[in-house]
Each structure stands twice: as structure tokens, then as C-alpha cells.
Amino acid sequence: MDCKIYVDTDLDICYSRRLLRDIVERGRDLEGIIKQWDDFVKPNSVRFVKPTMNSADVVIPRGSDNIIAIDMIIQHIRKQLHSKSVEHVQQLKKLGKAIKPIDKTKIHVLPKTNQLLGMKTILLNKDTSNDEFIFYFNRIATILIYASLELVQYTPLPPSGQPVISPTDDP
């Protein structure tokens, strides 16, 4: 790690986010969340996480609400990654290895639908049975495969089932 970043967020904000996440996404009960927070999460955060701020190269105050600082860090990291990537490709070329860069314009993300969000909630729920987990995992995999197949270009075969060879094609 060339740069150590500490994102400083007030523990009360962390607590409220944890409550919402654990209740909504994980289906946990309020009493269990509060007990876990008071007995383990908060004391360990104060004891082990907070002191790491002293060794950080950059401290971002106000946590994830500090959009400007986070955006600046993201831009810096992107520049560094691009620079390292260029250097890496040059080293590979010296070794006689050529690589083809990823075309990021061809990356597709599934849209957030209520169906996918619901299945994600079920998969993240600690009380989900193995059978349910496998069922919903397979369902998401199926949706992903169908979405992938929509991106495949194909030419249907004529009724004979044999590809058509045009006069300009060389056999």
C-alpha cells in the first residue's frame, strides 16, 4: 500500500447505519444488534480501529458525506492505477508477452430491480437455509446468463440448417 487512507465517521452514524442494514437487509432483531454493538463492535472500534487514524497518510473527515475529498482520492487512485497499468504492459512487452486491454465500454451491469434486491436480501440473511440460498443463487445466475445471451450477436441458419456461402466467400 502506497497510501493509507482513514475515513473518519462518527460512531453514532456508524451505529445508525448498522441498525438499518442489519434490520432491513439481514432480518436481525433490534435487541441482538444493540447487544452486539455495545459488547463487541463499539469497544473494538475504539480500541483497534480509531488508533489507526494516527498512522494514516490521509484522513477524510465526515466519512462518506465528504464527497469532494472522496472524489479527489478516487481520481488520484485511478491515475496511479493507470500509470501502474501502463508500466506493467511495457514490462510484459519487454518479456515478449502482449496483452489486450479490456474494453470497458463492453461491461454491462444488471439493473437494480426489486426482484434482484429481494434476492440479495435473502442471500445476505444469516437465517436463509442452504436450500433457499442455492435456489436464489441459481436464480440470479440464470438472470445473469439470460442478460449475457441478450448481448450475443448471432445469425440464424436458413431452413436447410447449412450456413449460406455467398459467391464472394472462398471455400
N, C-alpha and C. Protein backbone atom coordinates (compact mmCIF):
# COMPACT_ATOMS: atom_id res chain seq x y z
N MET A 1 0.85 -1.18 0.00
CA MET A 1 0.00 0.00 0.00
C MET A 1 0.90 1.24 0.00
N ASP A 2 0.71 2.05 -1.01
CA ASP A 2 1.49 3.29 -1.09
C ASP A 2 0.89 4.39 -0.24
N CYS A 3 -0.41 4.32 0.01
CA CYS A 3 -1.09 5.40 0.72
C CYS A 3 -2.13 4.79 1.67
N LYS A 4 -2.05 5.20 2.92
CA LYS A 4 -3.01 4.72 3.92
C LYS A 4 -4.08 5.80 4.12
N ILE A 5 -5.34 5.43 3.91
CA ILE A 5 -6.45 6.38 3.99
C ILE A 5 -7.37 5.97 5.14
N TYR A 6 -7.72 6.93 5.97
CA TYR A 6 -8.65 6.69 7.06
C TYR A 6 -9.88 7.56 6.81
N VAL A 7 -11.03 6.92 6.70
CA VAL A 7 -12.28 7.65 6.52
C VAL A 7 -12.93 7.75 7.89
N ASP A 8 -12.93 8.96 8.46
CA ASP A 8 -13.39 9.18 9.82
C ASP A 8 -14.89 9.44 9.82
N THR A 9 -15.63 8.52 10.40
CA THR A 9 -17.08 8.67 10.51
C THR A 9 -17.45 8.55 11.98
N ASP A 10 -18.30 9.44 12.44
CA ASP A 10 -18.75 9.42 13.82
C ASP A 10 -19.39 8.06 14.14
N LEU A 11 -19.09 7.52 15.31
CA LEU A 11 -19.60 6.20 15.67
C LEU A 11 -21.12 6.17 15.77
N ASP A 12 -21.76 7.30 16.09
CA ASP A 12 -23.23 7.32 16.13
C ASP A 12 -23.81 7.11 14.74
N ILE A 13 -23.16 7.65 13.72
CA ILE A 13 -23.61 7.45 12.34
C ILE A 13 -23.38 5.99 11.95
N CYS A 14 -22.23 5.43 12.32
CA CYS A 14 -21.95 4.02 12.04
C CYS A 14 -23.02 3.14 12.68
N TYR A 15 -23.39 3.48 13.91
CA TYR A 15 -24.39 2.71 14.66
C TYR A 15 -25.75 2.75 13.96
N SER A 16 -26.16 3.92 13.54
CA SER A 16 -27.47 4.02 12.87
C SER A 16 -27.46 3.30 11.54
N ARG A 17 -26.37 3.37 10.79
CA ARG A 17 -26.27 2.64 9.52
C ARG A 17 -26.31 1.13 9.76
N ARG A 18 -25.62 0.69 10.80
CA ARG A 18 -25.59 -0.73 11.12
C ARG A 18 -26.98 -1.23 11.50
N LEU A 19 -27.70 -0.42 12.31
CA LEU A 19 -29.06 -0.79 12.69
C LEU A 19 -29.94 -0.99 11.45
N LEU A 20 -29.92 -0.01 10.57
CA LEU A 20 -30.74 -0.09 9.35
C LEU A 20 -30.36 -1.30 8.51
N ARG A 21 -29.07 -1.47 8.28
CA ARG A 21 -28.61 -2.58 7.44
C ARG A 21 -28.99 -3.93 8.02
N ASP A 22 -28.71 -4.11 9.32
CA ASP A 22 -28.97 -5.41 9.93
C ASP A 22 -30.45 -5.74 10.02
N ILE A 23 -31.28 -4.74 10.22
CA ILE A 23 -32.73 -4.98 10.30
C ILE A 23 -33.31 -5.20 8.91
N VAL A 24 -33.00 -4.30 7.98
CA VAL A 24 -33.61 -4.36 6.65
C VAL A 24 -33.01 -5.46 5.79
N GLU A 25 -31.69 -5.52 5.68
CA GLU A 25 -31.06 -6.44 4.76
C GLU A 25 -30.80 -7.83 5.34
N ARG A 26 -30.62 -7.90 6.66
CA ARG A 26 -30.26 -9.19 7.26
C ARG A 26 -31.35 -9.77 8.14
N GLY A 27 -32.41 -9.00 8.35
CA GLY A 27 -33.55 -9.50 9.12
C GLY A 27 -33.24 -9.80 10.58
N ARG A 28 -32.28 -9.11 11.16
CA ARG A 28 -31.91 -9.35 12.56
C ARG A 28 -32.83 -8.56 13.49
N ASP A 29 -32.89 -9.02 14.76
CA ASP A 29 -33.74 -8.32 15.73
C ASP A 29 -32.96 -7.20 16.40
N LEU A 30 -33.68 -6.16 16.84
CA LEU A 30 -33.09 -4.96 17.40
C LEU A 30 -32.26 -5.26 18.64
N GLU A 31 -32.77 -6.10 19.52
CA GLU A 31 -32.06 -6.42 20.77
C GLU A 31 -30.70 -7.05 20.50
N GLY A 32 -30.63 -7.97 19.55
CA GLY A 32 -29.36 -8.63 19.21
C GLY A 32 -28.36 -7.66 18.61
N ILE A 33 -28.84 -6.75 17.78
CA ILE A 33 -27.95 -5.76 17.16
C ILE A 33 -27.36 -4.84 18.22
N ILE A 34 -28.20 -4.36 19.13
CA ILE A 34 -27.73 -3.45 20.19
C ILE A 34 -26.72 -4.15 21.08
N LYS A 35 -27.00 -5.41 21.45
CA LYS A 35 -26.07 -6.16 22.31
C LYS A 35 -24.72 -6.35 21.61
N GLN A 36 -24.75 -6.72 20.33
CA GLN A 36 -23.51 -6.91 19.60
C GLN A 36 -22.73 -5.59 19.51
N TRP A 37 -23.43 -4.48 19.25
CA TRP A 37 -22.78 -3.18 19.15
C TRP A 37 -22.11 -2.81 20.48
N ASP A 38 -22.88 -2.91 21.57
CA ASP A 38 -22.37 -2.49 22.88
C ASP A 38 -21.25 -3.40 23.39
N ASP A 39 -21.37 -4.71 23.13
CA ASP A 39 -20.40 -5.65 23.69
C ASP A 39 -19.13 -5.81 22.85
N PHE A 40 -19.27 -5.69 21.51
CA PHE A 40 -18.12 -6.02 20.66
C PHE A 40 -17.73 -4.91 19.69
N VAL A 41 -18.68 -4.45 18.90
CA VAL A 41 -18.35 -3.56 17.78
C VAL A 41 -17.78 -2.23 18.26
N LYS A 42 -18.51 -1.51 19.11
CA LYS A 42 -18.05 -0.19 19.54
C LYS A 42 -16.75 -0.27 20.34
N PRO A 43 -16.64 -1.16 21.36
CA PRO A 43 -15.37 -1.20 22.10
C PRO A 43 -14.16 -1.55 21.23
N ASN A 44 -14.35 -2.47 20.29
CA ASN A 44 -13.23 -2.85 19.43
C ASN A 44 -12.91 -1.76 18.41
N SER A 45 -13.92 -1.03 17.99
CA SER A 45 -13.68 0.09 17.08
C SER A 45 -12.84 1.16 17.78
N VAL A 46 -13.22 1.48 19.01
CA VAL A 46 -12.49 2.49 19.77
C VAL A 46 -11.07 2.00 20.08
N ARG A 47 -10.95 0.72 20.39
CA ARG A 47 -9.65 0.18 20.81
C ARG A 47 -8.70 -0.07 19.64
N PHE A 48 -9.23 -0.59 18.52
CA PHE A 48 -8.33 -1.04 17.45
C PHE A 48 -8.41 -0.19 16.18
N VAL A 49 -9.60 0.25 15.80
CA VAL A 49 -9.75 0.96 14.52
C VAL A 49 -9.38 2.43 14.64
N LYS A 50 -9.94 3.11 15.63
CA LYS A 50 -9.70 4.55 15.80
C LYS A 50 -8.21 4.90 15.88
N PRO A 51 -7.38 4.14 16.60
CA PRO A 51 -5.95 4.48 16.68
C PRO A 51 -5.22 4.41 15.34
N THR A 52 -5.74 3.66 14.37
CA THR A 52 -5.05 3.59 13.08
C THR A 52 -5.09 4.92 12.33
N MET A 53 -5.97 5.82 12.77
CA MET A 53 -6.04 7.15 12.15
C MET A 53 -4.68 7.87 12.29
N ASN A 54 -3.96 7.60 13.37
CA ASN A 54 -2.67 8.27 13.61
C ASN A 54 -1.60 7.88 12.60
N SER A 55 -1.73 6.70 11.99
CA SER A 55 -0.72 6.27 11.03
C SER A 55 -1.17 6.46 9.58
N ALA A 56 -2.34 7.04 9.39
CA ALA A 56 -2.86 7.26 8.03
C ALA A 56 -2.14 8.42 7.36
N ASP A 57 -1.97 8.29 6.05
CA ASP A 57 -1.39 9.39 5.27
C ASP A 57 -2.44 10.47 5.00
N VAL A 58 -3.69 10.02 4.83
CA VAL A 58 -4.79 10.94 4.55
C VAL A 58 -5.95 10.57 5.47
N VAL A 59 -6.54 11.60 6.10
CA VAL A 59 -7.74 11.40 6.91
C VAL A 59 -8.86 12.18 6.26
N ILE A 60 -9.95 11.46 5.94
CA ILE A 60 -11.10 12.11 5.33
C ILE A 60 -12.13 12.32 6.42
N PRO A 61 -12.32 13.59 6.85
CA PRO A 61 -13.31 13.84 7.90
C PRO A 61 -14.74 13.76 7.35
N ARG A 62 -15.70 13.55 8.21
CA ARG A 62 -17.13 13.49 7.88
C ARG A 62 -17.48 12.26 7.05
N GLY A 63 -16.61 11.27 7.02
CA GLY A 63 -16.92 9.99 6.38
C GLY A 63 -17.37 10.09 4.95
N SER A 64 -18.33 9.25 4.60
CA SER A 64 -18.78 9.17 3.22
C SER A 64 -19.57 10.39 2.78
N ASP A 65 -19.88 11.29 3.72
CA ASP A 65 -20.58 12.52 3.35
C ASP A 65 -19.64 13.53 2.69
N ASN A 66 -18.34 13.34 2.85
CA ASN A 66 -17.35 14.25 2.29
C ASN A 66 -17.06 13.85 0.84
N ILE A 67 -18.01 14.12 -0.01
CA ILE A 67 -17.95 13.68 -1.41
C ILE A 67 -16.76 14.28 -2.15
N ILE A 68 -16.44 15.52 -1.88
CA ILE A 68 -15.34 16.17 -2.59
C ILE A 68 -14.01 15.48 -2.29
N ALA A 69 -13.73 15.22 -1.02
CA ALA A 69 -12.47 14.56 -0.64
C ALA A 69 -12.41 13.14 -1.22
N ILE A 70 -13.51 12.43 -1.12
CA ILE A 70 -13.53 11.05 -1.63
C ILE A 70 -13.33 11.04 -3.14
N ASP A 71 -13.97 11.97 -3.83
CA ASP A 71 -13.81 12.06 -5.28
C ASP A 71 -12.35 12.36 -5.66
N MET A 72 -11.71 13.23 -4.89
CA MET A 72 -10.29 13.55 -5.16
C MET A 72 -9.42 12.31 -4.97
N ILE A 73 -9.68 11.55 -3.93
CA ILE A 73 -8.91 10.32 -3.67
C ILE A 73 -9.14 9.32 -4.80
N ILE A 74 -10.39 9.17 -5.22
CA ILE A 74 -10.72 8.23 -6.30
C ILE A 74 -9.97 8.61 -7.58
N GLN A 75 -9.98 9.90 -7.92
CA GLN A 75 -9.28 10.36 -9.13
C GLN A 75 -7.78 10.08 -9.01
N HIS A 76 -7.22 10.32 -7.84
CA HIS A 76 -5.78 10.05 -7.63
C HIS A 76 -5.48 8.56 -7.80
N ILE A 77 -6.32 7.71 -7.21
CA ILE A 77 -6.11 6.26 -7.32
C ILE A 77 -6.24 5.81 -8.77
N ARG A 78 -7.21 6.34 -9.48
CA ARG A 78 -7.37 5.97 -10.90
C ARG A 78 -6.14 6.34 -11.70
N LYS A 79 -5.58 7.53 -11.45
CA LYS A 79 -4.36 7.94 -12.16
C LYS A 79 -3.20 7.00 -11.83
N GLN A 80 -3.07 6.66 -10.55
CA GLN A 80 -1.99 5.76 -10.14
C GLN A 80 -2.16 4.38 -10.77
N LEU A 81 -3.38 3.85 -10.77
CA LEU A 81 -3.63 2.55 -11.37
C LEU A 81 -3.35 2.56 -12.87
N HIS A 82 -3.74 3.64 -13.53
CA HIS A 82 -3.48 3.74 -14.97
C HIS A 82 -1.97 3.76 -15.22
N SER A 83 -1.26 4.55 -14.43
CA SER A 83 0.20 4.63 -14.58
C SER A 83 0.85 3.27 -14.34
N LYS A 84 0.42 2.58 -13.28
CA LYS A 84 0.98 1.25 -12.98
C LYS A 84 0.63 0.27 -14.09
N SER A 85 -0.58 0.39 -14.65
CA SER A 85 -1.01 -0.50 -15.72
C SER A 85 -0.14 -0.29 -16.96
N VAL A 86 0.14 0.95 -17.30
CA VAL A 86 0.98 1.26 -18.46
C VAL A 86 2.38 0.67 -18.25
N GLU A 87 2.93 0.86 -17.04
CA GLU A 87 4.26 0.31 -16.74
C GLU A 87 4.25 -1.22 -16.83
N HIS A 88 3.19 -1.83 -16.32
CA HIS A 88 3.08 -3.29 -16.34
C HIS A 88 3.04 -3.81 -17.79
N VAL A 89 2.25 -3.16 -18.64
CA VAL A 89 2.14 -3.58 -20.04
C VAL A 89 3.50 -3.43 -20.73
N GLN A 90 4.22 -2.35 -20.44
CA GLN A 90 5.55 -2.17 -21.04
C GLN A 90 6.51 -3.28 -20.60
N GLN A 91 6.44 -3.66 -19.33
CA GLN A 91 7.29 -4.76 -18.84
C GLN A 91 6.93 -6.08 -19.53
N LEU A 92 5.63 -6.32 -19.72
CA LEU A 92 5.20 -7.53 -20.41
C LEU A 92 5.69 -7.56 -21.85
N LYS A 93 5.65 -6.40 -22.51
CA LYS A 93 6.14 -6.33 -23.90
C LYS A 93 7.62 -6.64 -23.95
N LYS A 94 8.39 -6.15 -22.98
CA LYS A 94 9.83 -6.45 -22.93
C LYS A 94 10.07 -7.95 -22.79
N LEU A 95 9.15 -8.62 -22.10
CA LEU A 95 9.27 -10.07 -21.90
C LEU A 95 8.70 -10.86 -23.07
N GLY A 96 8.18 -10.15 -24.08
CA GLY A 96 7.62 -10.82 -25.24
C GLY A 96 6.18 -11.26 -25.05
N LYS A 97 5.51 -10.72 -24.05
CA LYS A 97 4.11 -11.05 -23.78
C LYS A 97 3.25 -9.85 -24.13
N ALA A 98 2.32 -10.05 -25.04
CA ALA A 98 1.41 -8.96 -25.40
C ALA A 98 0.04 -9.27 -24.79
N ILE A 99 -0.58 -8.24 -24.23
CA ILE A 99 -1.92 -8.43 -23.69
C ILE A 99 -2.86 -7.43 -24.34
N LYS A 100 -4.11 -7.84 -24.41
CA LYS A 100 -5.13 -7.00 -25.00
C LYS A 100 -5.89 -6.31 -23.86
N PRO A 101 -5.94 -4.99 -23.84
CA PRO A 101 -6.63 -4.31 -22.75
C PRO A 101 -8.14 -4.57 -22.78
N ILE A 102 -8.76 -4.50 -21.62
CA ILE A 102 -10.21 -4.71 -21.50
C ILE A 102 -10.93 -3.51 -22.08
N ASP A 103 -11.93 -3.78 -22.90
CA ASP A 103 -12.76 -2.72 -23.46
C ASP A 103 -13.88 -2.44 -22.46
N LYS A 104 -13.71 -1.39 -21.66
CA LYS A 104 -14.66 -1.09 -20.60
C LYS A 104 -16.03 -0.65 -21.12
N THR A 105 -16.09 -0.31 -22.40
CA THR A 105 -17.40 0.07 -22.96
C THR A 105 -18.29 -1.15 -23.14
N LYS A 106 -17.71 -2.34 -23.05
CA LYS A 106 -18.48 -3.56 -23.24
C LYS A 106 -18.90 -4.21 -21.91
N ILE A 107 -18.64 -3.54 -20.80
CA ILE A 107 -19.05 -4.07 -19.50
C ILE A 107 -20.50 -3.65 -19.26
N HIS A 108 -21.31 -4.61 -18.88
CA HIS A 108 -22.72 -4.35 -18.61
C HIS A 108 -23.04 -4.72 -17.16
N VAL A 109 -23.84 -3.90 -16.51
CA VAL A 109 -24.26 -4.15 -15.13
C VAL A 109 -25.75 -4.41 -15.13
N LEU A 110 -26.16 -5.43 -14.40
CA LEU A 110 -27.60 -5.71 -14.31
C LEU A 110 -28.29 -4.54 -13.63
N PRO A 111 -29.45 -4.13 -14.13
CA PRO A 111 -30.17 -3.03 -13.48
C PRO A 111 -30.69 -3.48 -12.11
N LYS A 112 -30.75 -2.53 -11.17
CA LYS A 112 -31.28 -2.84 -9.84
C LYS A 112 -32.80 -2.93 -9.94
N THR A 113 -33.30 -4.13 -9.83
CA THR A 113 -34.75 -4.33 -9.84
C THR A 113 -35.17 -4.79 -8.45
N ASN A 114 -36.46 -4.67 -8.16
CA ASN A 114 -36.97 -5.14 -6.87
C ASN A 114 -36.70 -6.63 -6.71
N GLN A 115 -36.80 -7.37 -7.81
CA GLN A 115 -36.57 -8.81 -7.77
C GLN A 115 -35.13 -9.11 -7.34
N LEU A 116 -34.16 -8.45 -7.97
CA LEU A 116 -32.75 -8.68 -7.62
C LEU A 116 -32.44 -8.21 -6.21
N LEU A 117 -32.97 -7.06 -5.82
CA LEU A 117 -32.73 -6.57 -4.46
C LEU A 117 -33.32 -7.51 -3.42
N GLY A 118 -34.50 -8.06 -3.72
CA GLY A 118 -35.12 -9.02 -2.80
C GLY A 118 -34.27 -10.28 -2.66
N MET A 119 -33.78 -10.79 -3.78
CA MET A 119 -32.95 -11.99 -3.73
C MET A 119 -31.63 -11.72 -3.01
N LYS A 120 -31.07 -10.53 -3.20
CA LYS A 120 -29.84 -10.17 -2.50
C LYS A 120 -30.09 -10.16 -0.99
N THR A 121 -31.23 -9.62 -0.58
CA THR A 121 -31.58 -9.59 0.85
C THR A 121 -31.67 -11.01 1.40
N ILE A 122 -32.30 -11.90 0.65
CA ILE A 122 -32.42 -13.29 1.09
C ILE A 122 -31.04 -13.95 1.19
N LEU A 123 -30.18 -13.72 0.20
CA LEU A 123 -28.84 -14.32 0.21
C LEU A 123 -27.99 -13.81 1.37
N LEU A 124 -28.18 -12.54 1.77
CA LEU A 124 -27.37 -11.97 2.85
C LEU A 124 -27.94 -12.27 4.23
N ASN A 125 -29.16 -12.81 4.30
CA ASN A 125 -29.80 -13.10 5.58
C ASN A 125 -29.14 -14.33 6.20
N LYS A 126 -28.65 -14.19 7.42
CA LYS A 126 -27.95 -15.29 8.09
C LYS A 126 -28.87 -16.47 8.37
N ASP A 127 -30.19 -16.24 8.37
CA ASP A 127 -31.14 -17.32 8.66
C ASP A 127 -31.62 -18.04 7.40
N THR A 128 -31.12 -17.64 6.24
CA THR A 128 -31.52 -18.31 5.00
C THR A 128 -30.98 -19.74 5.00
N SER A 129 -31.86 -20.69 4.70
CA SER A 129 -31.44 -22.09 4.68
C SER A 129 -30.55 -22.34 3.47
N ASN A 130 -29.80 -23.45 3.51
CA ASN A 130 -28.92 -23.80 2.39
C ASN A 130 -29.72 -23.99 1.11
N ASP A 131 -30.88 -24.65 1.22
CA ASP A 131 -31.71 -24.88 0.03
C ASP A 131 -32.19 -23.57 -0.58
N GLU A 132 -32.63 -22.64 0.28
CA GLU A 132 -33.07 -21.33 -0.22
C GLU A 132 -31.91 -20.58 -0.86
N PHE A 133 -30.75 -20.64 -0.19
CA PHE A 133 -29.58 -19.94 -0.71
C PHE A 133 -29.24 -20.46 -2.11
N ILE A 134 -29.19 -21.77 -2.26
CA ILE A 134 -28.87 -22.36 -3.56
C ILE A 134 -29.92 -21.98 -4.60
N PHE A 135 -31.20 -22.02 -4.21
CA PHE A 135 -32.27 -21.67 -5.14
C PHE A 135 -32.12 -20.24 -5.65
N TYR A 136 -31.94 -19.28 -4.73
CA TYR A 136 -31.86 -17.87 -5.15
C TYR A 136 -30.53 -17.56 -5.84
N PHE A 137 -29.45 -18.21 -5.43
CA PHE A 137 -28.18 -18.04 -6.13
C PHE A 137 -28.32 -18.51 -7.58
N ASN A 138 -28.94 -19.68 -7.76
CA ASN A 138 -29.15 -20.19 -9.11
C ASN A 138 -30.07 -19.28 -9.91
N ARG A 139 -31.06 -18.69 -9.25
CA ARG A 139 -31.98 -17.77 -9.93
C ARG A 139 -31.22 -16.54 -10.44
N ILE A 140 -30.36 -15.98 -9.60
CA ILE A 140 -29.57 -14.81 -10.02
C ILE A 140 -28.61 -15.21 -11.15
N ALA A 141 -28.01 -16.39 -11.05
CA ALA A 141 -27.12 -16.87 -12.12
C ALA A 141 -27.88 -17.00 -13.43
N THR A 142 -29.12 -17.49 -13.36
CA THR A 142 -29.95 -17.62 -14.56
C THR A 142 -30.24 -16.26 -15.17
N ILE A 143 -30.59 -15.29 -14.33
CA ILE A 143 -30.85 -13.93 -14.82
C ILE A 143 -29.60 -13.37 -15.49
N LEU A 144 -28.45 -13.61 -14.90
CA LEU A 144 -27.18 -13.14 -15.46
C LEU A 144 -26.88 -13.80 -16.81
N ILE A 145 -27.14 -15.09 -16.90
CA ILE A 145 -26.91 -15.80 -18.16
C ILE A 145 -27.84 -15.29 -19.25
N TYR A 146 -29.12 -15.11 -18.91
CA TYR A 146 -30.06 -14.57 -19.91
C TYR A 146 -29.65 -13.17 -20.36
N ALA A 147 -29.22 -12.34 -19.42
CA ALA A 147 -28.76 -10.99 -19.78
C ALA A 147 -27.53 -11.08 -20.68
N SER A 148 -26.64 -12.02 -20.40
CA SER A 148 -25.44 -12.21 -21.23
C SER A 148 -25.81 -12.66 -22.64
N LEU A 149 -26.77 -13.58 -22.73
CA LEU A 149 -27.18 -14.08 -24.04
C LEU A 149 -27.83 -12.98 -24.90
N GLU A 150 -28.44 -12.01 -24.24
CA GLU A 150 -29.02 -10.88 -24.98
C GLU A 150 -27.94 -10.07 -25.69
N LEU A 151 -26.71 -10.16 -25.22
CA LEU A 151 -25.60 -9.39 -25.79
C LEU A 151 -24.89 -10.14 -26.91
N VAL A 152 -25.20 -11.42 -27.09
CA VAL A 152 -24.55 -12.23 -28.12
C VAL A 152 -25.24 -11.98 -29.46
N GLN A 153 -24.43 -11.69 -30.46
CA GLN A 153 -24.98 -11.49 -31.79
C GLN A 153 -24.90 -12.80 -32.55
N TYR A 154 -25.97 -13.15 -33.23
CA TYR A 154 -25.98 -14.39 -33.99
C TYR A 154 -26.75 -14.18 -35.29
N THR A 155 -26.49 -15.07 -36.21
CA THR A 155 -27.20 -15.06 -37.49
C THR A 155 -27.93 -16.39 -37.59
N PRO A 156 -29.26 -16.35 -37.71
CA PRO A 156 -30.00 -17.62 -37.80
C PRO A 156 -29.63 -18.38 -39.06
N LEU A 157 -29.64 -19.71 -38.96
CA LEU A 157 -29.38 -20.56 -40.12
C LEU A 157 -30.62 -20.60 -41.01
N PRO A 158 -30.41 -20.77 -42.32
CA PRO A 158 -31.57 -20.92 -43.21
C PRO A 158 -32.28 -22.24 -42.90
N PRO A 159 -33.49 -22.45 -43.44
CA PRO A 159 -34.24 -23.67 -43.13
C PRO A 159 -33.48 -24.96 -43.39
N SER A 160 -32.52 -24.95 -44.31
CA SER A 160 -31.77 -26.18 -44.60
C SER A 160 -30.85 -26.56 -43.45
N GLY A 161 -30.54 -25.63 -42.59
CA GLY A 161 -29.65 -25.90 -41.47
C GLY A 161 -28.19 -25.72 -41.82
N GLN A 162 -27.88 -25.46 -43.06
CA GLN A 162 -26.49 -25.28 -43.51
C GLN A 162 -26.22 -23.79 -43.68
N PRO A 163 -25.04 -23.32 -43.28
CA PRO A 163 -24.72 -21.90 -43.50
C PRO A 163 -24.72 -21.56 -45.00
N VAL A 164 -25.13 -20.35 -45.27
CA VAL A 164 -25.16 -19.90 -46.66
C VAL A 164 -23.79 -19.39 -47.02
N ILE A 165 -23.24 -19.88 -48.14
CA ILE A 165 -21.93 -19.42 -48.61
C ILE A 165 -22.20 -18.55 -49.82
N SER A 166 -21.79 -17.31 -49.69
CA SER A 166 -22.04 -16.39 -50.79
C SER A 166 -20.94 -16.60 -51.86
N PRO A 167 -21.20 -16.16 -53.08
CA PRO A 167 -20.22 -16.34 -54.16
C PRO A 167 -18.87 -15.69 -53.87
N THR A 168 -18.87 -14.67 -52.97
CA THR A 168 -17.60 -13.98 -52.69
C THR A 168 -16.79 -14.70 -51.64
N ASP A 169 -17.40 -15.69 -50.93
CA ASP A 169 -16.65 -16.41 -49.90
C ASP A 169 -15.74 -17.46 -50.54
N ASP A 170 -14.52 -17.56 -50.05
CA ASP A 170 -13.60 -18.60 -50.51
C ASP A 170 -13.83 -19.85 -49.67
N PRO A 171 -13.97 -21.01 -50.31
CA PRO A 171 -14.16 -22.25 -49.54
C PRO A 171 -12.90 -22.68 -48.85
